[in-house]
Amino acid sequence: MGYAPDYVRAMWLMLQQEKPDDYVIGTGEAHSVREFVELAFATVDLDWHKYVEIDPRYFRPAESTISVQIQRKHGRP
């Protein structure tokens, strides 16, 4: 859940490079789907519990690592 102008700036900076390359853009923060749903529904003043059905069959097994983008060129210090 980043700030749109920051993402636009990142895209613009990528386009200014001499050679194409791979980039990963991220906030450096981890958020769950539940957090995203809560925020989206709160924005329009709705109770997400009334509209979202959770099916445990689609839960992932517990993961020991969390994916968070660190702010540097991916794969390079």
PDB file of N, CA and C in Angstrom:
ATOM      1  N   MET A   1       0.846  -1.165   0.000  1.00  0.00           N
ATOM      2  CA  MET A   1       0.000   0.000   0.000  1.00  0.00           C
ATOM      3  C   MET A   1       0.895   1.232   0.000  1.00  0.00           C
ATOM      4  N   GLY A   2       1.382   1.598  -1.107  1.00  0.00           N
ATOM      5  CA  GLY A   2       2.289   2.729  -1.179  1.00  0.00           C
ATOM      6  C   GLY A   2       1.587   4.008  -1.573  1.00  0.00           C
ATOM      7  N   TYR A   3       2.375   5.000  -1.814  1.00  0.00           N
ATOM      8  CA  TYR A   3       1.913   6.322  -2.198  1.00  0.00           C
ATOM      9  C   TYR A   3       2.085   6.441  -3.707  1.00  0.00           C
ATOM     10  N   ALA A   4       0.994   6.639  -4.444  1.00  0.00           N
ATOM     11  CA  ALA A   4       1.018   6.592  -5.914  1.00  0.00           C
ATOM     12  C   ALA A   4       2.091   7.476  -6.545  1.00  0.00           C
ATOM     13  N   PRO A   5       2.270   8.728  -6.109  1.00  0.00           N
ATOM     14  CA  PRO A   5       3.321   9.537  -6.733  1.00  0.00           C
ATOM     15  C   PRO A   5       4.716   8.924  -6.593  1.00  0.00           C
ATOM     16  N   ASP A   6       4.961   8.189  -5.510  1.00  0.00           N
ATOM     17  CA  ASP A   6       6.264   7.518  -5.360  1.00  0.00           C
ATOM     18  C   ASP A   6       6.438   6.434  -6.417  1.00  0.00           C
ATOM     19  N   TYR A   7       5.369   5.689  -6.697  1.00  0.00           N
ATOM     20  CA  TYR A   7       5.449   4.642  -7.722  1.00  0.00           C
ATOM     21  C   TYR A   7       5.641   5.251  -9.108  1.00  0.00           C
ATOM     22  N   VAL A   8       4.951   6.360  -9.367  1.00  0.00           N
ATOM     23  CA  VAL A   8       5.094   7.031 -10.661  1.00  0.00           C
ATOM     24  C   VAL A   8       6.527   7.530 -10.816  1.00  0.00           C
ATOM     25  N   ARG A   9       7.090   8.099  -9.767  1.00  0.00           N
ATOM     26  CA  ARG A   9       8.478   8.573  -9.828  1.00  0.00           C
ATOM     27  C   ARG A   9       9.425   7.407 -10.097  1.00  0.00           C
ATOM     28  N   ALA A  10       9.196   6.273  -9.436  1.00  0.00           N
ATOM     29  CA  ALA A  10      10.044   5.092  -9.657  1.00  0.00           C
ATOM     30  C   ALA A  10       9.965   4.639 -11.114  1.00  0.00           C
ATOM     31  N   MET A  11       8.754   4.628 -11.674  1.00  0.00           N
ATOM     32  CA  MET A  11       8.609   4.230 -13.083  1.00  0.00           C
ATOM     33  C   MET A  11       9.335   5.217 -14.001  1.00  0.00           C
ATOM     34  N   TRP A  12       9.198   6.504 -13.700  1.00  0.00           N
ATOM     35  CA  TRP A  12       9.858   7.524 -14.515  1.00  0.00           C
ATOM     36  C   TRP A  12      11.376   7.339 -14.450  1.00  0.00           C
ATOM     37  N   LEU A  13      11.913   7.087 -13.244  1.00  0.00           N
ATOM     38  CA  LEU A  13      13.361   6.871 -13.091  1.00  0.00           C
ATOM     39  C   LEU A  13      13.830   5.649 -13.879  1.00  0.00           C
ATOM     40  N   MET A  14      13.022   4.591 -13.896  1.00  0.00           N
ATOM     41  CA  MET A  14      13.393   3.404 -14.675  1.00  0.00           C
ATOM     42  C   MET A  14      13.483   3.733 -16.160  1.00  0.00           C
ATOM     43  N   LEU A  15      12.566   4.563 -16.629  1.00  0.00           N
ATOM     44  CA  LEU A  15      12.550   4.925 -18.046  1.00  0.00           C
ATOM     45  C   LEU A  15      13.710   5.841 -18.429  1.00  0.00           C
ATOM     46  N   GLN A  16      14.375   6.437 -17.455  1.00  0.00           N
ATOM     47  CA  GLN A  16      15.489   7.339 -17.743  1.00  0.00           C
ATOM     48  C   GLN A  16      16.822   6.599 -17.889  1.00  0.00           C
ATOM     49  N   GLN A  17      16.831   5.294 -17.638  1.00  0.00           N
ATOM     50  CA  GLN A  17      18.072   4.522 -17.691  1.00  0.00           C
ATOM     51  C   GLN A  17      18.495   4.273 -19.136  1.00  0.00           C
ATOM     52  N   GLU A  18      19.806   4.197 -19.347  1.00  0.00           N
ATOM     53  CA  GLU A  18      20.362   3.954 -20.683  1.00  0.00           C
ATOM     54  C   GLU A  18      19.974   2.580 -21.227  1.00  0.00           C
ATOM     55  N   LYS A  19      20.002   1.567 -20.340  1.00  0.00           N
ATOM     56  CA  LYS A  19      19.700   0.195 -20.763  1.00  0.00           C
ATOM     57  C   LYS A  19      18.521  -0.336 -19.952  1.00  0.00           C
ATOM     58  N   PRO A  20      17.676  -1.167 -20.569  1.00  0.00           N
ATOM     59  CA  PRO A  20      16.581  -1.786 -19.810  1.00  0.00           C
ATOM     60  C   PRO A  20      17.142  -2.696 -18.709  1.00  0.00           C
ATOM     61  N   ASP A  21      16.421  -2.817 -17.640  1.00  0.00           N
ATOM     62  CA  ASP A  21      16.835  -3.682 -16.540  1.00  0.00           C
ATOM     63  C   ASP A  21      15.586  -4.105 -15.776  1.00  0.00           C
ATOM     64  N   ASP A  22      15.750  -5.033 -14.835  1.00  0.00           N
ATOM     65  CA  ASP A  22      14.648  -5.485 -13.993  1.00  0.00           C
ATOM     66  C   ASP A  22      14.679  -4.720 -12.681  1.00  0.00           C
ATOM     67  N   TYR A  23      13.526  -4.261 -12.232  1.00  0.00           N
ATOM     68  CA  TYR A  23      13.416  -3.525 -10.978  1.00  0.00           C
ATOM     69  C   TYR A  23      12.266  -4.086 -10.163  1.00  0.00           C
ATOM     70  N   VAL A  24      12.400  -4.006  -8.852  1.00  0.00           N
ATOM     71  CA  VAL A  24      11.319  -4.358  -7.944  1.00  0.00           C
ATOM     72  C   VAL A  24      11.027  -3.112  -7.127  1.00  0.00           C
ATOM     73  N   ILE A  25       9.778  -2.688  -7.131  1.00  0.00           N
ATOM     74  CA  ILE A  25       9.384  -1.488  -6.402  1.00  0.00           C
ATOM     75  C   ILE A  25       8.571  -1.931  -5.193  1.00  0.00           C
ATOM     76  N   GLY A  26       8.895  -1.405  -4.032  1.00  0.00           N
ATOM     77  CA  GLY A  26       8.148  -1.773  -2.838  1.00  0.00           C
ATOM     78  C   GLY A  26       8.250  -0.710  -1.769  1.00  0.00           C
ATOM     79  N   THR A  27       7.426  -0.853  -0.740  1.00  0.00           N
ATOM     80  CA  THR A  27       7.385   0.118   0.348  1.00  0.00           C
ATOM     81  C   THR A  27       8.326  -0.246   1.484  1.00  0.00           C
ATOM     82  N   GLY A  28       8.784  -1.495   1.523  1.00  0.00           N
ATOM     83  CA  GLY A  28       9.577  -1.938   2.661  1.00  0.00           C
ATOM     84  C   GLY A  28       8.705  -2.343   3.840  1.00  0.00           C
ATOM     85  N   GLU A  29       7.395  -2.410   3.632  1.00  0.00           N
ATOM     86  CA  GLU A  29       6.452  -2.797   4.681  1.00  0.00           C
ATOM     87  C   GLU A  29       5.672  -4.027   4.238  1.00  0.00           C
ATOM     88  N   ALA A  30       5.282  -4.852   5.187  1.00  0.00           N
ATOM     89  CA  ALA A  30       4.465  -6.028   4.883  1.00  0.00           C
ATOM     90  C   ALA A  30       3.023  -5.766   5.324  1.00  0.00           C
ATOM     91  N   HIS A  31       2.054  -6.156   4.496  1.00  0.00           N
ATOM     92  CA  HIS A  31       0.637  -6.006   4.821  1.00  0.00           C
ATOM     93  C   HIS A  31      -0.103  -7.265   4.416  1.00  0.00           C
ATOM     94  N   SER A  32      -1.110  -7.624   5.185  1.00  0.00           N
ATOM     95  CA  SER A  32      -1.908  -8.807   4.876  1.00  0.00           C
ATOM     96  C   SER A  32      -3.076  -8.420   3.962  1.00  0.00           C
ATOM     97  N   VAL A  33      -3.655  -9.431   3.348  1.00  0.00           N
ATOM     98  CA  VAL A  33      -4.852  -9.202   2.532  1.00  0.00           C
ATOM     99  C   VAL A  33      -5.964  -8.663   3.427  1.00  0.00           C
ATOM    100  N   ARG A  34      -6.053  -9.183   4.634  1.00  0.00           N
ATOM    101  CA  ARG A  34      -7.082  -8.717   5.574  1.00  0.00           C
ATOM    102  C   ARG A  34      -6.925  -7.215   5.846  1.00  0.00           C
ATOM    103  N   GLU A  35      -5.686  -6.753   6.051  1.00  0.00           N
ATOM    104  CA  GLU A  35      -5.464  -5.323   6.270  1.00  0.00           C
ATOM    105  C   GLU A  35      -5.953  -4.508   5.073  1.00  0.00           C
ATOM    106  N   PHE A  36      -5.642  -4.992   3.872  1.00  0.00           N
ATOM    107  CA  PHE A  36      -6.060  -4.290   2.652  1.00  0.00           C
ATOM    108  C   PHE A  36      -7.586  -4.226   2.568  1.00  0.00           C
ATOM    109  N   VAL A  37      -8.251  -5.351   2.842  1.00  0.00           N
ATOM    110  CA  VAL A  37      -9.718  -5.404   2.788  1.00  0.00           C
ATOM    111  C   VAL A  37     -10.326  -4.467   3.827  1.00  0.00           C
ATOM    112  N   GLU A  38      -9.780  -4.494   5.052  1.00  0.00           N
ATOM    113  CA  GLU A  38     -10.301  -3.617   6.104  1.00  0.00           C
ATOM    114  C   GLU A  38     -10.191  -2.145   5.693  1.00  0.00           C
ATOM    115  N   LEU A  39      -9.057  -1.767   5.158  1.00  0.00           N
ATOM    116  CA  LEU A  39      -8.845  -0.378   4.741  1.00  0.00           C
ATOM    117  C   LEU A  39      -9.765   0.006   3.580  1.00  0.00           C
ATOM    118  N   ALA A  40      -9.872  -0.880   2.586  1.00  0.00           N
ATOM    119  CA  ALA A  40     -10.719  -0.583   1.422  1.00  0.00           C
ATOM    120  C   ALA A  40     -12.181  -0.402   1.829  1.00  0.00           C
ATOM    121  N   PHE A  41     -12.692  -1.290   2.663  1.00  0.00           N
ATOM    122  CA  PHE A  41     -14.096  -1.191   3.070  1.00  0.00           C
ATOM    123  C   PHE A  41     -14.327  -0.016   4.013  1.00  0.00           C
ATOM    124  N   ALA A  42     -13.357   0.272   4.881  1.00  0.00           N
ATOM    125  CA  ALA A  42     -13.490   1.422   5.776  1.00  0.00           C
ATOM    126  C   ALA A  42     -13.535   2.724   4.974  1.00  0.00           C
ATOM    127  N   THR A  43     -12.816   2.766   3.870  1.00  0.00           N
ATOM    128  CA  THR A  43     -12.791   3.962   3.020  1.00  0.00           C
ATOM    129  C   THR A  43     -14.183   4.308   2.492  1.00  0.00           C
ATOM    130  N   VAL A  44     -14.986   3.284   2.224  1.00  0.00           N
ATOM    131  CA  VAL A  44     -16.351   3.519   1.722  1.00  0.00           C
ATOM    132  C   VAL A  44     -17.398   3.266   2.815  1.00  0.00           C
ATOM    133  N   ASP A  45     -16.923   3.251   4.072  1.00  0.00           N
ATOM    134  CA  ASP A  45     -17.788   3.135   5.244  1.00  0.00           C
ATOM    135  C   ASP A  45     -18.687   1.899   5.219  1.00  0.00           C
ATOM    136  N   LEU A  46     -18.093   0.741   4.889  1.00  0.00           N
ATOM    137  CA  LEU A  46     -18.829  -0.521   4.898  1.00  0.00           C
ATOM    138  C   LEU A  46     -18.141  -1.512   5.832  1.00  0.00           C
ATOM    139  N   ASP A  47     -18.936  -2.404   6.403  1.00  0.00           N
ATOM    140  CA  ASP A  47     -18.410  -3.471   7.249  1.00  0.00           C
ATOM    141  C   ASP A  47     -18.033  -4.640   6.346  1.00  0.00           C
ATOM    142  N   TRP A  48     -16.744  -4.902   6.211  1.00  0.00           N
ATOM    143  CA  TRP A  48     -16.293  -5.936   5.278  1.00  0.00           C
ATOM    144  C   TRP A  48     -16.825  -7.307   5.639  1.00  0.00           C
ATOM    145  N   HIS A  49     -17.123  -7.549   6.910  1.00  0.00           N
ATOM    146  CA  HIS A  49     -17.642  -8.859   7.335  1.00  0.00           C
ATOM    147  C   HIS A  49     -18.961  -9.207   6.640  1.00  0.00           C
ATOM    148  N   LYS A  50     -19.718  -8.189   6.247  1.00  0.00           N
ATOM    149  CA  LYS A  50     -21.005  -8.421   5.581  1.00  0.00           C
ATOM    150  C   LYS A  50     -20.847  -8.803   4.110  1.00  0.00           C
ATOM    151  N   TYR A  51     -19.670  -8.555   3.520  1.00  0.00           N
ATOM    152  CA  TYR A  51     -19.480  -8.731   2.082  1.00  0.00           C
ATOM    153  C   TYR A  51     -18.413  -9.754   1.700  1.00  0.00           C
ATOM    154  N   VAL A  52     -17.556 -10.103   2.646  1.00  0.00           N
ATOM    155  CA  VAL A  52     -16.424 -10.987   2.335  1.00  0.00           C
ATOM    156  C   VAL A  52     -16.610 -12.318   3.055  1.00  0.00           C
ATOM    157  N   GLU A  53     -16.445 -13.376   2.299  1.00  0.00           N
ATOM    158  CA  GLU A  53     -16.538 -14.717   2.856  1.00  0.00           C
ATOM    159  C   GLU A  53     -15.139 -15.325   2.857  1.00  0.00           C
ATOM    160  N   ILE A  54     -14.700 -15.824   4.001  1.00  0.00           N
ATOM    161  CA  ILE A  54     -13.366 -16.413   4.119  1.00  0.00           C
ATOM    162  C   ILE A  54     -13.494 -17.926   4.071  1.00  0.00           C
ATOM    163  N   ASP A  55     -12.763 -18.538   3.167  1.00  0.00           N
ATOM    164  CA  ASP A  55     -12.776 -19.991   3.016  1.00  0.00           C
ATOM    165  C   ASP A  55     -11.404 -20.520   3.422  1.00  0.00           C
ATOM    166  N   PRO A  56     -11.315 -21.206   4.562  1.00  0.00           N
ATOM    167  CA  PRO A  56     -10.034 -21.698   5.065  1.00  0.00           C
ATOM    168  C   PRO A  56      -9.307 -22.653   4.098  1.00  0.00           C
ATOM    169  N   ARG A  57     -10.028 -23.213   3.134  1.00  0.00           N
ATOM    170  CA  ARG A  57      -9.372 -24.097   2.162  1.00  0.00           C
ATOM    171  C   ARG A  57      -8.293 -23.362   1.381  1.00  0.00           C
ATOM    172  N   TYR A  58      -8.405 -22.041   1.285  1.00  0.00           N
ATOM    173  CA  TYR A  58      -7.455 -21.269   0.491  1.00  0.00           C
ATOM    174  C   TYR A  58      -6.359 -20.608   1.318  1.00  0.00           C
ATOM    175  N   PHE A  59      -6.304 -20.909   2.616  1.00  0.00           N
ATOM    176  CA  PHE A  59      -5.214 -20.383   3.438  1.00  0.00           C
ATOM    177  C   PHE A  59      -3.913 -21.066   3.055  1.00  0.00           C
ATOM    178  N   ARG A  60      -2.827 -20.322   3.072  1.00  0.00           N
ATOM    179  CA  ARG A  60      -1.506 -20.917   2.858  1.00  0.00           C
ATOM    180  C   ARG A  60      -1.027 -21.532   4.156  1.00  0.00           C
ATOM    181  N   PRO A  61      -0.173 -22.545   4.041  1.00  0.00           N
ATOM    182  CA  PRO A  61       0.453 -23.034   5.271  1.00  0.00           C
ATOM    183  C   PRO A  61       1.300 -21.904   5.862  1.00  0.00           C
ATOM    184  N   ALA A  62       1.524 -21.961   7.151  1.00  0.00           N
ATOM    185  CA  ALA A  62       2.338 -20.916   7.795  1.00  0.00           C
ATOM    186  C   ALA A  62       3.695 -20.831   7.108  1.00  0.00           C
ATOM    187  N   GLU A  63       4.098 -19.621   6.808  1.00  0.00           N
ATOM    188  CA  GLU A  63       5.379 -19.410   6.154  1.00  0.00           C
ATOM    189  C   GLU A  63       6.360 -18.834   7.151  1.00  0.00           C
ATOM    190  N   SER A  64       7.609 -19.244   7.052  1.00  0.00           N
ATOM    191  CA  SER A  64       8.605 -18.748   7.987  1.00  0.00           C
ATOM    192  C   SER A  64       9.223 -17.438   7.517  1.00  0.00           C
ATOM    193  N   THR A  65       9.016 -17.088   6.251  1.00  0.00           N
ATOM    194  CA  THR A  65       9.570 -15.829   5.757  1.00  0.00           C
ATOM    195  C   THR A  65       8.459 -14.934   5.238  1.00  0.00           C
ATOM    196  N   ILE A  66       8.666 -13.662   5.356  1.00  0.00           N
ATOM    197  CA  ILE A  66       7.722 -12.669   4.855  1.00  0.00           C
ATOM    198  C   ILE A  66       8.433 -11.899   3.764  1.00  0.00           C
ATOM    199  N   SER A  67       7.767 -11.687   2.639  1.00  0.00           N
ATOM    200  CA  SER A  67       8.369 -10.952   1.525  1.00  0.00           C
ATOM    201  C   SER A  67       8.174  -9.457   1.722  1.00  0.00           C
ATOM    202  N   VAL A  68       9.284  -8.759   1.870  1.00  0.00           N
ATOM    203  CA  VAL A  68       9.265  -7.307   1.990  1.00  0.00           C
ATOM    204  C   VAL A  68      10.382  -6.783   1.106  1.00  0.00           C
ATOM    205  N   GLN A  69      10.076  -5.829   0.253  1.00  0.00           N
ATOM    206  CA  GLN A  69      11.073  -5.251  -0.644  1.00  0.00           C
ATOM    207  C   GLN A  69      11.958  -4.289   0.125  1.00  0.00           C
ATOM    208  N   ILE A  70      13.260  -4.529   0.063  1.00  0.00           N
ATOM    209  CA  ILE A  70      14.179  -3.560   0.637  1.00  0.00           C
ATOM    210  C   ILE A  70      14.512  -2.533  -0.426  1.00  0.00           C
ATOM    211  N   GLN A  71      14.848  -1.342  -0.019  1.00  0.00           N
ATOM    212  CA  GLN A  71      14.981  -0.246  -0.976  1.00  0.00           C
ATOM    213  C   GLN A  71      16.402  -0.124  -1.519  1.00  0.00           C
ATOM    214  N   ARG A  72      16.675  -0.933  -2.509  1.00  0.00           N
ATOM    215  CA  ARG A  72      17.922  -0.911  -3.259  1.00  0.00           C
ATOM    216  C   ARG A  72      17.666  -1.655  -4.552  1.00  0.00           C
ATOM    217  N   LYS A  73      18.576  -1.591  -5.491  1.00  0.00           N
ATOM    218  CA  LYS A  73      18.431  -2.362  -6.743  1.00  0.00           C
ATOM    219  C   LYS A  73      18.424  -3.825  -6.367  1.00  0.00           C
ATOM    220  N   HIS A  74      17.398  -4.551  -6.776  1.00  0.00           N
ATOM    221  CA  HIS A  74      17.238  -5.953  -6.414  1.00  0.00           C
ATOM    222  C   HIS A  74      18.456  -6.770  -6.849  1.00  0.00           C
ATOM    223  N   GLY A  75      18.975  -7.564  -5.929  1.00  0.00           N
ATOM    224  CA  GLY A  75      20.085  -8.447  -6.248  1.00  0.00           C
ATOM    225  C   GLY A  75      21.454  -7.780  -6.173  1.00  0.00           C
ATOM    226  N   ARG A  76      21.467  -6.504  -5.848  1.00  0.00           N
ATOM    227  CA  ARG A  76      22.753  -5.796  -5.743  1.00  0.00           C
ATOM    228  C   ARG A  76      22.771  -4.996  -4.448  1.00  0.00           C
ATOM    229  N   PRO A  77      23.942  -4.896  -3.796  1.00  0.00           N
ATOM    230  CA  PRO A  77      24.005  -4.105  -2.540  1.00  0.00           C
ATOM    231  C   PRO A  77      23.793  -2.627  -2.777  1.00  0.00           C
TER     232      PRO A  77
END
